[in-house]
Amino acid sequence: MKKYWIVLFLNLFMVNIGLADTNALKPYQAGDWSSLVKTANGAPLAVHFWGVTCPACVKEMPQWGSFVKNNPTAKVIFIQVDDVPVDSIKKMLSKAGLEKANNFYVAAPFDERLRYEIDPKWQGETPTTIMIDRSGKATRKTGLIDFRQLQMTLMPKS
């Protein structure tokens, strides 16, 4: 009987670890862009690049949290680009209500090669949002986002 409880506990523990990792902060590195975009499966997608040390990002992230909460089917990916401790990233995501969103952090320096893969004309300014429509066409918006426009772009027409 004791063995049964140990096996049951270990199985539940492993399930909880798997569930916890679903929303983990994941590393983003060179070569990840195309596979990241493919996760949308042809649906409109917004990829938001932000930084912990970016004052405009600090102001805007709670608005992103509200947007994601109010539009749960919208496909949004967040990529943090500063070279800061992971705890700082998690703290800001939590404060914005985005701890369960699809979050990444740049694992290596955010250099020209990495930016060029995403958008050859982008200089790395934050905040920046790249919106990808159903046909795969990407549009870059640097600066604060218009959330009404974003909702019209991302949400399916009824």
N, C-alpha and C. Protein backbone atom coordinates (compact mmCIF):
# COMPACT_ATOMS: atom_id res chain seq x y z
N MET A 1 0.83 -1.19 0.00
CA MET A 1 0.00 0.00 0.00
C MET A 1 0.87 1.25 0.00
N LYS A 2 1.95 1.21 0.78
CA LYS A 2 2.85 2.36 0.86
C LYS A 2 3.46 2.67 -0.51
N LYS A 3 3.82 1.61 -1.24
CA LYS A 3 4.41 1.78 -2.56
C LYS A 3 3.41 2.48 -3.50
N TYR A 4 2.13 2.12 -3.42
CA TYR A 4 1.09 2.72 -4.23
C TYR A 4 1.05 4.24 -4.01
N TRP A 5 1.08 4.69 -2.77
CA TRP A 5 1.02 6.11 -2.45
C TRP A 5 2.25 6.85 -2.96
N ILE A 6 3.39 6.21 -2.87
CA ILE A 6 4.62 6.84 -3.36
C ILE A 6 4.54 7.02 -4.88
N VAL A 7 4.09 5.98 -5.58
CA VAL A 7 3.96 6.06 -7.04
C VAL A 7 2.92 7.13 -7.41
N LEU A 8 1.78 7.16 -6.71
CA LEU A 8 0.75 8.15 -6.97
C LEU A 8 1.29 9.57 -6.75
N PHE A 9 2.00 9.77 -5.65
CA PHE A 9 2.59 11.08 -5.35
C PHE A 9 3.56 11.50 -6.45
N LEU A 10 4.45 10.59 -6.84
CA LEU A 10 5.43 10.93 -7.88
C LEU A 10 4.75 11.26 -9.21
N ASN A 11 3.70 10.51 -9.55
CA ASN A 11 2.97 10.80 -10.79
C ASN A 11 2.31 12.18 -10.74
N LEU A 12 1.66 12.49 -9.63
CA LEU A 12 1.04 13.81 -9.48
C LEU A 12 2.08 14.92 -9.50
N PHE A 13 3.21 14.68 -8.87
CA PHE A 13 4.29 15.65 -8.84
C PHE A 13 4.80 15.93 -10.25
N MET A 14 4.99 14.87 -11.03
CA MET A 14 5.46 15.03 -12.41
C MET A 14 4.43 15.76 -13.27
N VAL A 15 3.15 15.49 -13.08
CA VAL A 15 2.10 16.20 -13.81
C VAL A 15 2.15 17.68 -13.47
N ASN A 16 2.30 18.01 -12.19
CA ASN A 16 2.36 19.41 -11.78
C ASN A 16 3.58 20.10 -12.36
N ILE A 17 4.70 19.42 -12.43
CA ILE A 17 5.89 20.02 -13.04
C ILE A 17 5.59 20.31 -14.51
N GLY A 18 4.98 19.37 -15.20
CA GLY A 18 4.65 19.58 -16.62
C GLY A 18 3.70 20.74 -16.81
N LEU A 19 2.71 20.87 -15.95
CA LEU A 19 1.76 21.98 -16.07
C LEU A 19 2.42 23.30 -15.76
N ALA A 20 3.30 23.32 -14.78
CA ALA A 20 3.98 24.56 -14.41
C ALA A 20 4.86 25.05 -15.56
N ASP A 21 5.46 24.13 -16.30
CA ASP A 21 6.35 24.53 -17.38
C ASP A 21 5.61 25.08 -18.59
N THR A 22 4.30 24.87 -18.67
CA THR A 22 3.53 25.34 -19.81
C THR A 22 3.66 26.84 -19.99
N ASN A 23 3.68 27.58 -18.90
CA ASN A 23 3.74 29.03 -18.97
C ASN A 23 5.08 29.57 -18.49
N ALA A 24 6.11 28.78 -18.58
CA ALA A 24 7.42 29.20 -18.12
C ALA A 24 7.99 30.27 -19.06
N LEU A 25 8.86 31.08 -18.52
CA LEU A 25 9.60 32.05 -19.31
C LEU A 25 10.64 31.27 -20.10
N LYS A 26 10.56 31.37 -21.43
CA LYS A 26 11.39 30.55 -22.29
C LYS A 26 12.49 31.38 -22.96
N PRO A 27 13.65 30.78 -23.22
CA PRO A 27 14.71 31.51 -23.92
C PRO A 27 14.40 31.67 -25.40
N TYR A 28 14.77 32.82 -25.96
CA TYR A 28 14.64 33.09 -27.39
C TYR A 28 16.04 33.34 -27.91
N GLN A 29 16.38 32.71 -29.04
CA GLN A 29 17.72 32.89 -29.59
C GLN A 29 17.68 32.91 -31.11
N ALA A 30 18.80 33.22 -31.70
CA ALA A 30 18.90 33.28 -33.16
C ALA A 30 18.39 31.97 -33.75
N GLY A 31 17.61 32.09 -34.83
CA GLY A 31 17.06 30.92 -35.50
C GLY A 31 15.66 30.56 -35.05
N ASP A 32 15.15 31.21 -33.98
CA ASP A 32 13.84 30.88 -33.45
C ASP A 32 12.68 31.59 -34.14
N TRP A 33 12.95 32.67 -34.89
CA TRP A 33 11.88 33.51 -35.41
C TRP A 33 10.87 32.75 -36.25
N SER A 34 11.33 32.01 -37.25
CA SER A 34 10.38 31.36 -38.16
C SER A 34 9.53 30.31 -37.43
N SER A 35 10.13 29.56 -36.52
CA SER A 35 9.34 28.56 -35.80
C SER A 35 8.35 29.23 -34.84
N LEU A 36 8.74 30.37 -34.29
CA LEU A 36 7.84 31.11 -33.40
C LEU A 36 6.62 31.61 -34.16
N VAL A 37 6.85 32.14 -35.35
CA VAL A 37 5.76 32.65 -36.18
C VAL A 37 4.83 31.52 -36.61
N LYS A 38 5.38 30.35 -36.87
CA LYS A 38 4.58 29.20 -37.30
C LYS A 38 3.62 28.73 -36.22
N THR A 39 3.88 29.04 -34.95
CA THR A 39 2.99 28.60 -33.87
C THR A 39 1.59 29.19 -34.00
N ALA A 40 1.44 30.26 -34.77
CA ALA A 40 0.12 30.88 -34.96
C ALA A 40 -0.76 30.07 -35.89
N ASN A 41 -0.18 29.14 -36.64
CA ASN A 41 -0.95 28.29 -37.57
C ASN A 41 -1.83 29.09 -38.51
N GLY A 42 -1.31 30.17 -39.07
CA GLY A 42 -2.05 30.97 -40.04
C GLY A 42 -2.99 32.00 -39.45
N ALA A 43 -3.10 32.05 -38.13
CA ALA A 43 -3.94 33.07 -37.48
C ALA A 43 -3.13 34.34 -37.32
N PRO A 44 -3.79 35.48 -37.20
CA PRO A 44 -3.06 36.72 -36.93
C PRO A 44 -2.28 36.60 -35.62
N LEU A 45 -1.09 37.21 -35.60
CA LEU A 45 -0.20 37.09 -34.45
C LEU A 45 0.45 38.43 -34.17
N ALA A 46 0.60 38.78 -32.89
CA ALA A 46 1.37 39.94 -32.48
C ALA A 46 2.55 39.46 -31.66
N VAL A 47 3.74 39.92 -32.02
CA VAL A 47 4.94 39.63 -31.24
C VAL A 47 5.42 40.96 -30.68
N HIS A 48 5.40 41.06 -29.36
CA HIS A 48 5.73 42.32 -28.70
C HIS A 48 7.11 42.22 -28.05
N PHE A 49 8.00 43.12 -28.47
CA PHE A 49 9.36 43.20 -27.92
C PHE A 49 9.38 44.33 -26.90
N TRP A 50 9.86 44.02 -25.71
CA TRP A 50 9.83 44.99 -24.62
C TRP A 50 11.08 44.82 -23.76
N GLY A 51 11.29 45.79 -22.88
CA GLY A 51 12.43 45.73 -21.98
C GLY A 51 12.07 46.18 -20.58
N VAL A 52 12.68 45.55 -19.61
CA VAL A 52 12.48 45.91 -18.20
C VAL A 52 12.96 47.33 -17.95
N THR A 53 14.01 47.75 -18.65
CA THR A 53 14.59 49.08 -18.44
C THR A 53 14.00 50.16 -19.35
N CYS A 54 12.99 49.81 -20.10
CA CYS A 54 12.33 50.74 -21.04
C CYS A 54 11.16 51.42 -20.33
N PRO A 55 11.22 52.75 -20.07
CA PRO A 55 10.13 53.43 -19.37
C PRO A 55 8.78 53.29 -20.07
N ALA A 56 8.74 53.39 -21.40
CA ALA A 56 7.47 53.24 -22.12
C ALA A 56 6.92 51.83 -21.96
N CYS A 57 7.81 50.84 -21.92
CA CYS A 57 7.39 49.44 -21.74
C CYS A 57 6.78 49.24 -20.36
N VAL A 58 7.41 49.82 -19.34
CA VAL A 58 6.91 49.71 -17.97
C VAL A 58 5.49 50.27 -17.90
N LYS A 59 5.27 51.39 -18.59
CA LYS A 59 3.94 52.01 -18.61
C LYS A 59 2.92 51.15 -19.38
N GLU A 60 3.35 50.56 -20.48
CA GLU A 60 2.43 49.87 -21.38
C GLU A 60 2.12 48.42 -20.99
N MET A 61 3.01 47.74 -20.31
CA MET A 61 2.81 46.31 -20.03
C MET A 61 1.51 46.01 -19.29
N PRO A 62 1.07 46.79 -18.31
CA PRO A 62 -0.24 46.50 -17.69
C PRO A 62 -1.39 46.59 -18.70
N GLN A 63 -1.27 47.45 -19.70
CA GLN A 63 -2.29 47.53 -20.75
C GLN A 63 -2.29 46.25 -21.58
N TRP A 64 -1.10 45.72 -21.84
CA TRP A 64 -1.01 44.43 -22.53
C TRP A 64 -1.67 43.35 -21.68
N GLY A 65 -1.45 43.41 -20.37
CA GLY A 65 -2.08 42.43 -19.48
C GLY A 65 -3.59 42.47 -19.59
N SER A 66 -4.16 43.67 -19.60
CA SER A 66 -5.61 43.83 -19.76
C SER A 66 -6.07 43.32 -21.12
N PHE A 67 -5.31 43.63 -22.16
CA PHE A 67 -5.67 43.18 -23.50
C PHE A 67 -5.73 41.66 -23.57
N VAL A 68 -4.69 41.00 -23.06
CA VAL A 68 -4.64 39.53 -23.10
C VAL A 68 -5.79 38.94 -22.27
N LYS A 69 -6.06 39.53 -21.13
CA LYS A 69 -7.15 39.04 -20.27
C LYS A 69 -8.51 39.18 -20.97
N ASN A 70 -8.72 40.31 -21.64
CA ASN A 70 -10.00 40.58 -22.29
C ASN A 70 -10.15 39.94 -23.67
N ASN A 71 -9.04 39.45 -24.22
CA ASN A 71 -9.04 38.82 -25.55
C ASN A 71 -8.28 37.50 -25.48
N PRO A 72 -8.80 36.53 -24.74
CA PRO A 72 -8.05 35.30 -24.48
C PRO A 72 -7.72 34.47 -25.72
N THR A 73 -8.41 34.68 -26.83
CA THR A 73 -8.10 33.91 -28.04
C THR A 73 -7.08 34.62 -28.94
N ALA A 74 -6.73 35.85 -28.60
CA ALA A 74 -5.73 36.57 -29.40
C ALA A 74 -4.37 35.89 -29.24
N LYS A 75 -3.66 35.77 -30.34
CA LYS A 75 -2.33 35.16 -30.31
C LYS A 75 -1.30 36.27 -30.14
N VAL A 76 -0.67 36.29 -28.94
CA VAL A 76 0.32 37.30 -28.62
C VAL A 76 1.52 36.62 -27.98
N ILE A 77 2.70 37.01 -28.42
CA ILE A 77 3.96 36.51 -27.86
C ILE A 77 4.73 37.71 -27.35
N PHE A 78 5.30 37.58 -26.17
CA PHE A 78 6.10 38.65 -25.57
C PHE A 78 7.56 38.20 -25.52
N ILE A 79 8.45 39.10 -26.00
CA ILE A 79 9.89 38.81 -25.95
C ILE A 79 10.59 39.97 -25.27
N GLN A 80 11.21 39.68 -24.13
CA GLN A 80 11.94 40.67 -23.34
C GLN A 80 13.38 40.71 -23.86
N VAL A 81 13.91 41.90 -24.15
CA VAL A 81 15.19 42.01 -24.84
C VAL A 81 16.35 42.53 -23.99
N ASP A 82 16.10 42.99 -22.77
CA ASP A 82 17.18 43.52 -21.93
C ASP A 82 18.03 42.40 -21.34
N ASP A 83 19.28 42.73 -21.07
CA ASP A 83 20.16 41.80 -20.37
C ASP A 83 19.99 42.05 -18.87
N VAL A 84 18.96 41.45 -18.30
CA VAL A 84 18.63 41.63 -16.88
C VAL A 84 18.36 40.25 -16.28
N PRO A 85 18.40 40.15 -14.95
CA PRO A 85 18.10 38.86 -14.31
C PRO A 85 16.67 38.40 -14.62
N VAL A 86 16.49 37.10 -14.74
CA VAL A 86 15.19 36.51 -15.03
C VAL A 86 14.17 36.92 -13.96
N ASP A 87 14.60 37.06 -12.71
CA ASP A 87 13.68 37.47 -11.65
C ASP A 87 13.07 38.84 -11.93
N SER A 88 13.85 39.76 -12.51
CA SER A 88 13.34 41.09 -12.86
C SER A 88 12.26 40.99 -13.94
N ILE A 89 12.48 40.10 -14.89
CA ILE A 89 11.51 39.89 -15.97
C ILE A 89 10.22 39.33 -15.39
N LYS A 90 10.35 38.29 -14.58
CA LYS A 90 9.17 37.65 -13.99
C LYS A 90 8.39 38.63 -13.11
N LYS A 91 9.10 39.47 -12.38
CA LYS A 91 8.43 40.44 -11.51
C LYS A 91 7.59 41.41 -12.34
N MET A 92 8.15 41.91 -13.45
CA MET A 92 7.41 42.85 -14.28
C MET A 92 6.23 42.17 -14.97
N LEU A 93 6.42 40.93 -15.43
CA LEU A 93 5.32 40.20 -16.05
C LEU A 93 4.20 39.96 -15.05
N SER A 94 4.56 39.61 -13.84
CA SER A 94 3.56 39.36 -12.80
C SER A 94 2.78 40.64 -12.48
N LYS A 95 3.50 41.74 -12.34
CA LYS A 95 2.86 43.02 -12.04
C LYS A 95 1.88 43.43 -13.14
N ALA A 96 2.20 43.05 -14.39
CA ALA A 96 1.34 43.39 -15.53
C ALA A 96 0.23 42.36 -15.75
N GLY A 97 0.23 41.28 -14.97
CA GLY A 97 -0.77 40.23 -15.16
C GLY A 97 -0.48 39.35 -16.36
N LEU A 98 0.80 39.25 -16.73
CA LEU A 98 1.19 38.49 -17.92
C LEU A 98 2.03 37.25 -17.60
N GLU A 99 2.06 36.85 -16.35
CA GLU A 99 2.90 35.71 -15.98
C GLU A 99 2.49 34.41 -16.67
N LYS A 100 1.25 34.32 -17.13
CA LYS A 100 0.78 33.10 -17.81
C LYS A 100 0.73 33.27 -19.32
N ALA A 101 1.21 34.39 -19.83
CA ALA A 101 1.22 34.63 -21.27
C ALA A 101 2.36 33.84 -21.92
N ASN A 102 2.45 33.92 -23.22
CA ASN A 102 3.50 33.24 -23.98
C ASN A 102 4.75 34.14 -23.96
N ASN A 103 5.62 33.91 -22.97
CA ASN A 103 6.74 34.80 -22.69
C ASN A 103 8.09 34.19 -23.01
N PHE A 104 8.92 35.03 -23.62
CA PHE A 104 10.30 34.67 -23.94
C PHE A 104 11.23 35.77 -23.46
N TYR A 105 12.49 35.44 -23.31
CA TYR A 105 13.53 36.43 -23.06
C TYR A 105 14.69 36.12 -24.00
N VAL A 106 15.36 37.15 -24.46
CA VAL A 106 16.49 36.96 -25.36
C VAL A 106 17.64 36.35 -24.55
N ALA A 107 18.06 35.17 -24.98
CA ALA A 107 19.05 34.40 -24.21
C ALA A 107 20.49 34.87 -24.46
N ALA A 108 20.74 35.53 -25.58
CA ALA A 108 22.07 36.04 -25.91
C ALA A 108 21.94 37.53 -26.14
N PRO A 109 23.04 38.25 -26.33
CA PRO A 109 22.91 39.69 -26.59
C PRO A 109 21.97 39.97 -27.76
N PHE A 110 21.18 41.02 -27.62
CA PHE A 110 20.22 41.41 -28.64
C PHE A 110 20.97 42.21 -29.70
N ASP A 111 21.67 41.51 -30.56
CA ASP A 111 22.56 42.14 -31.52
C ASP A 111 21.93 42.26 -32.91
N GLU A 112 22.71 42.81 -33.84
CA GLU A 112 22.22 43.07 -35.19
C GLU A 112 21.75 41.79 -35.89
N ARG A 113 22.50 40.70 -35.72
CA ARG A 113 22.13 39.44 -36.36
C ARG A 113 20.75 38.97 -35.94
N LEU A 114 20.49 39.05 -34.65
CA LEU A 114 19.19 38.62 -34.13
C LEU A 114 18.07 39.53 -34.63
N ARG A 115 18.29 40.83 -34.60
CA ARG A 115 17.28 41.77 -35.09
C ARG A 115 17.06 41.62 -36.59
N TYR A 116 18.12 41.41 -37.35
CA TYR A 116 18.02 41.27 -38.80
C TYR A 116 17.13 40.09 -39.18
N GLU A 117 17.23 39.00 -38.43
CA GLU A 117 16.40 37.82 -38.68
C GLU A 117 14.91 38.15 -38.52
N ILE A 118 14.60 39.04 -37.59
CA ILE A 118 13.22 39.42 -37.30
C ILE A 118 12.72 40.44 -38.32
N ASP A 119 13.50 41.51 -38.51
CA ASP A 119 13.15 42.57 -39.46
C ASP A 119 14.44 43.31 -39.82
N PRO A 120 14.91 43.17 -41.05
CA PRO A 120 16.18 43.77 -41.45
C PRO A 120 16.26 45.29 -41.25
N LYS A 121 15.13 45.97 -41.19
CA LYS A 121 15.14 47.43 -41.04
C LYS A 121 15.00 47.88 -39.59
N TRP A 122 14.80 46.95 -38.68
CA TRP A 122 14.58 47.29 -37.27
C TRP A 122 15.90 47.52 -36.57
N GLN A 123 15.99 48.61 -35.82
CA GLN A 123 17.21 48.96 -35.09
C GLN A 123 17.19 48.47 -33.64
N GLY A 124 16.10 47.87 -33.21
CA GLY A 124 16.03 47.31 -31.86
C GLY A 124 15.33 48.18 -30.84
N GLU A 125 14.63 49.23 -31.30
CA GLU A 125 13.92 50.10 -30.37
C GLU A 125 12.81 49.32 -29.65
N THR A 126 12.56 49.71 -28.41
CA THR A 126 11.45 49.14 -27.65
C THR A 126 10.61 50.27 -27.09
N PRO A 127 9.32 50.04 -26.95
CA PRO A 127 8.60 48.84 -27.34
C PRO A 127 8.38 48.78 -28.85
N THR A 128 8.37 47.58 -29.36
CA THR A 128 8.08 47.33 -30.77
C THR A 128 7.16 46.12 -30.85
N THR A 129 6.15 46.23 -31.69
CA THR A 129 5.24 45.12 -31.91
C THR A 129 5.23 44.79 -33.39
N ILE A 130 5.41 43.52 -33.69
CA ILE A 130 5.33 43.06 -35.07
C ILE A 130 4.04 42.28 -35.21
N MET A 131 3.17 42.76 -36.08
CA MET A 131 1.89 42.11 -36.32
C MET A 131 1.99 41.33 -37.63
N ILE A 132 1.58 40.08 -37.57
CA ILE A 132 1.64 39.22 -38.73
C ILE A 132 0.21 38.81 -39.07
N ASP A 133 -0.21 39.14 -40.29
CA ASP A 133 -1.59 38.84 -40.67
C ASP A 133 -1.71 37.39 -41.15
N ARG A 134 -2.91 37.00 -41.53
CA ARG A 134 -3.19 35.61 -41.95
C ARG A 134 -2.34 35.17 -43.13
N SER A 135 -1.97 36.11 -43.99
CA SER A 135 -1.17 35.76 -45.18
C SER A 135 0.32 35.68 -44.87
N GLY A 136 0.70 36.07 -43.64
CA GLY A 136 2.12 36.03 -43.26
C GLY A 136 2.82 37.36 -43.40
N LYS A 137 2.11 38.40 -43.85
CA LYS A 137 2.71 39.72 -44.01
C LYS A 137 2.92 40.34 -42.63
N ALA A 138 4.14 40.82 -42.41
CA ALA A 138 4.50 41.43 -41.13
C ALA A 138 4.52 42.94 -41.23
N THR A 139 3.99 43.59 -40.19
CA THR A 139 4.01 45.04 -40.07
C THR A 139 4.60 45.38 -38.71
N ARG A 140 5.60 46.25 -38.71
CA ARG A 140 6.26 46.62 -37.46
C ARG A 140 5.73 47.96 -36.96
N LYS A 141 5.41 48.03 -35.68
CA LYS A 141 4.97 49.26 -35.03
C LYS A 141 5.90 49.52 -33.85
N THR A 142 6.67 50.59 -33.94
CA THR A 142 7.55 50.97 -32.84
C THR A 142 6.85 52.03 -32.01
N GLY A 143 6.95 51.88 -30.70
CA GLY A 143 6.28 52.79 -29.78
C GLY A 143 5.06 52.14 -29.17
N LEU A 144 4.29 52.94 -28.47
CA LEU A 144 3.09 52.44 -27.80
C LEU A 144 2.06 51.98 -28.82
N ILE A 145 1.35 50.94 -28.48
CA ILE A 145 0.40 50.33 -29.41
C ILE A 145 -1.00 50.91 -29.20
N ASP A 146 -1.77 50.96 -30.26
CA ASP A 146 -3.18 51.33 -30.19
C ASP A 146 -3.94 50.02 -30.01
N PHE A 147 -4.44 49.78 -28.80
CA PHE A 147 -5.05 48.49 -28.49
C PHE A 147 -6.37 48.25 -29.22
N ARG A 148 -7.10 49.29 -29.58
CA ARG A 148 -8.32 49.10 -30.39
C ARG A 148 -7.93 48.57 -31.77
N GLN A 149 -6.90 49.16 -32.36
CA GLN A 149 -6.42 48.70 -33.66
C GLN A 149 -5.88 47.27 -33.55
N LEU A 150 -5.17 46.99 -32.49
CA LEU A 150 -4.62 45.64 -32.28
C LEU A 150 -5.75 44.62 -32.20
N GLN A 151 -6.81 44.97 -31.49
CA GLN A 151 -7.95 44.05 -31.35
C GLN A 151 -8.57 43.78 -32.73
N MET A 152 -8.72 44.80 -33.55
CA MET A 152 -9.29 44.62 -34.89
C MET A 152 -8.36 43.74 -35.75
N THR A 153 -7.06 43.86 -35.53
CA THR A 153 -6.09 43.08 -36.31
C THR A 153 -6.07 41.62 -35.89
N LEU A 154 -6.11 41.38 -34.59
CA LEU A 154 -5.92 40.02 -34.09
C LEU A 154 -7.19 39.18 -33.93
N MET A 155 -8.29 39.83 -33.66
CA MET A 155 -9.50 39.07 -33.35
C MET A 155 -10.26 38.72 -34.62
N PRO A 156 -10.71 37.48 -34.70
CA PRO A 156 -11.45 37.06 -35.89
C PRO A 156 -12.74 37.84 -36.07
N LYS A 157 -13.05 38.11 -37.29
CA LYS A 157 -14.30 38.81 -37.62
C LYS A 157 -15.47 37.85 -37.40
N SER A 158 -16.56 38.37 -36.78
CA SER A 158 -17.72 37.50 -36.58
C SER A 158 -18.77 37.77 -37.62
